[in-house]
Protein backbone atom coordinates (compact mmCIF):
# COMPACT_ATOMS: atom_id res chain seq x y z
CA MET A 1 -56.61 34.10 179.01
CA LYS A 2 -55.11 31.95 181.70
CA GLU A 3 -54.52 28.68 180.31
CA PHE A 4 -53.76 26.62 183.40
CA CYS A 5 -55.01 26.92 186.92
CA THR A 6 -52.19 25.17 188.79
CA PRO A 7 -48.93 23.22 188.03
CA LEU A 8 -49.63 20.00 186.09
CA PRO A 9 -49.35 16.92 188.25
CA ASP A 10 -45.96 15.17 187.89
CA ASN A 11 -47.28 11.78 186.46
CA LYS A 12 -50.53 12.49 184.55
CA LYS A 13 -51.29 8.82 183.49
CA GLN A 14 -51.30 7.85 187.40
CA TYR A 15 -53.19 10.85 188.18
CA ILE A 16 -55.96 10.38 185.79
CA LYS A 17 -55.98 6.78 186.79
CA ASP A 18 -56.35 7.48 190.32
CA VAL A 19 -58.90 10.27 189.92
CA GLY A 20 -61.11 8.17 187.29
CA THR A 21 -60.90 5.11 189.67
CA VAL A 22 -62.70 7.09 192.37
CA LEU A 23 -65.09 8.79 190.34
CA VAL A 24 -66.19 5.39 188.84
CA ASN A 25 -66.39 3.58 192.38
CA ASP A 26 -68.20 6.55 193.84
CA TYR A 27 -70.56 7.68 190.96
CA GLY A 28 -70.61 4.93 188.56
CA LYS A 29 -69.56 5.26 185.07
CA LYS A 30 -70.96 8.51 183.41
CA GLU A 31 -70.40 10.65 180.35
CA PHE A 32 -69.45 13.49 182.25
CA TYR A 33 -68.87 14.16 186.12
CA LYS A 34 -69.77 17.45 187.79
CA PRO A 35 -66.84 19.58 189.03
CA GLU A 36 -67.87 18.99 192.73
CA GLU A 37 -67.67 15.22 192.20
CA ILE A 38 -64.32 15.55 190.79
CA LYS A 39 -62.97 17.75 193.43
CA LYS A 40 -64.35 15.19 196.18
CA ALA A 41 -62.71 12.31 194.09
CA ASN A 42 -59.35 14.39 193.69
CA GLN A 43 -59.35 14.77 197.67
CA LYS A 44 -59.51 11.10 198.16
CA THR A 45 -56.50 10.34 196.06
CA SER A 46 -52.94 10.93 197.57
CA TRP A 47 -52.91 13.86 194.95
CA GLY A 48 -55.53 15.47 197.19
CA THR A 49 -53.30 15.49 200.05
CA SER A 50 -50.14 16.70 198.29
CA GLY A 51 -50.65 20.51 199.15
CA THR A 52 -51.54 21.37 195.65
CA ASP A 53 -55.19 21.29 194.18
CA PHE A 54 -54.66 19.53 191.03
CA SER A 55 -58.76 19.03 190.69
CA CYS A 56 -58.62 21.77 187.69
CA TRP A 57 -56.76 19.32 185.58
CA SER A 58 -59.14 16.38 186.19
CA MET A 59 -61.88 18.58 185.47
CA SER A 60 -60.49 19.26 182.06
CA VAL A 61 -60.58 15.44 181.68
CA PHE A 62 -63.72 14.28 183.35
CA SER A 63 -66.27 17.26 183.27
CA SER A 64 -67.94 18.82 180.27
CA HIS A 65 -66.87 22.04 179.04
CA GLU A 66 -69.95 23.71 180.01
CA ASP A 67 -69.39 22.77 183.74
CA PHE A 68 -65.87 23.37 183.43
CA ASP A 69 -66.24 26.96 182.37
CA ALA A 70 -69.19 27.46 184.72
CA TYR A 71 -66.97 26.24 187.64
CA HIS A 72 -64.13 28.47 186.69
CA LYS A 73 -66.38 31.51 186.40
CA SER A 74 -67.84 30.96 189.80
CA GLU A 75 -64.29 31.10 191.20
CA GLY A 76 -63.21 34.18 189.14
CA GLU A 77 -61.00 32.09 186.91
CA ILE A 78 -60.59 31.84 183.24
CA CYS A 79 -58.89 28.54 182.25
CA ASP A 80 -58.55 27.08 178.85
CA TYR A 81 -60.41 23.75 178.88
CA ALA A 82 -59.31 22.71 175.21
CA ALA A 83 -55.54 23.54 175.98
CA MET A 84 -55.82 21.71 179.41
CA LYS A 85 -57.60 18.71 178.10
CA GLN A 86 -55.00 18.31 175.40
CA THR A 87 -51.97 18.85 177.84
CA MET A 88 -53.63 15.93 179.99
CA LEU A 89 -54.23 13.50 177.06
CA GLU A 90 -50.77 13.94 175.28
CA GLY A 91 -48.76 10.97 175.89
CA ILE A 92 -50.76 9.22 178.58
CA SER A 93 -51.16 5.86 176.74
CA GLY A 94 -49.16 2.96 177.40
CA ASN A 95 -47.63 2.79 174.06
CA ASN A 96 -46.64 6.45 174.09
CA SER A 97 -49.09 7.57 171.54
CA ASP A 98 -48.82 11.32 170.96
CA PHE A 99 -51.99 13.09 170.52
CA SER A 100 -50.56 16.38 169.60
CA PHE A 101 -52.21 15.93 166.18
CA LEU A 102 -55.32 17.01 167.81
CA GLU A 103 -55.83 20.63 167.14
CA PHE A 104 -58.34 22.22 169.62
CA SER A 105 -60.22 25.42 169.20
CA ASP A 106 -63.64 26.47 169.49
CA SER A 107 -64.21 26.18 165.93
CA ASP A 108 -62.53 22.94 165.20
CA ILE A 109 -63.08 19.35 166.69
CA ASN A 110 -65.47 19.15 169.54
CA ILE A 111 -63.44 17.49 172.24
CA ASP A 112 -66.36 17.52 174.94
CA SER A 113 -66.69 13.96 174.65
CA SER A 114 -65.96 12.29 178.25
CA TRP A 115 -62.77 10.22 178.90
CA LEU A 116 -64.88 7.07 178.57
CA ASP A 117 -65.91 7.98 174.96
CA LEU A 118 -62.22 8.83 174.07
CA GLY A 119 -61.18 5.43 174.62
CA ASP A 120 -63.80 4.35 171.90
CA ILE A 121 -62.39 6.93 169.56
CA PHE A 122 -58.58 6.33 170.29
CA GLY A 123 -57.67 2.69 171.09
CA ALA A 124 -54.47 3.77 172.87
CA ILE A 125 -56.40 5.60 175.47
CA GLY A 126 -59.17 2.81 175.58
CA ASP A 127 -56.35 0.47 176.42
CA PHE A 128 -55.12 2.64 179.18
CA PHE A 129 -58.60 2.74 180.67
CA SER A 130 -59.18 -1.02 180.52
CA PHE A 131 -58.79 -1.33 184.57
CA LEU A 132 -62.30 0.17 184.48
CA ASP A 133 -63.72 -2.96 183.07
């Protein structure tokens, strides 16, 4: 299975902040965003004009697992939602928290909660997203 669609953004923290800000401003705070909303938000950031489409990475953070898989199936791609989400969340907090302790598999922990919910579960991520309040 192909785990990753495109290269990883150079600055994951900034990338998530930029796309997250557009999503909240354009669509309000939601548990999950649709892949189409995420692609549009990505295009409104400087990342969207970089020549590389990083929206797959933000889909792993901001969309539901079902929507992520459906989108990639429609594109003829099979990307690993759990691996991509874990990759995006590792090391993004301001205090360099390491989230590698999270073992993601279909039978293990459910990581389909949104990035907003993750802030409640992991204080370090919550601090990172405090710009939304």
